[in-house]
Amino acid sequence: MRRYRLTRVAGRALEDIANYIGERTGDLERGAVFVAKLRAQCEKLAMLPGAIGRPRPDLGPGVRSFVHENYVIVFRYETDTIDILNVVHVRRDRPATREK
């Protein structure tokens, strides 16, 4: 069974998300609970057989994304893991413009 692994960038993003939600709501626990849900979604992605998520060649070879509530989990499948590369708010997820 695969497991997920956070990059430093993704780990910092989760901390920032927890802090942002905590500050906006005045409830630090609320931010922590939401980030726990994001982590649980990462675990589910790792446990599912095969490949899931939207291919994102605009972000690099083998990169995929999956939306959870208002956040996009950006990841790449490796041999025994999925590497969580970043977690961004959907408003910040901007695919590269492609020439026609």
Foldseek 3Di string as FASTA:
>chain_A
DAAEDEDPQAVVQLVVQLVVVCVVVVHSVVSVVVSVVVNVVQRVCRPDPDHDAADQCLVPPQWGWDDDDQKIFIWHDDDRYIYGHHIGGNVPDDRDDDDD
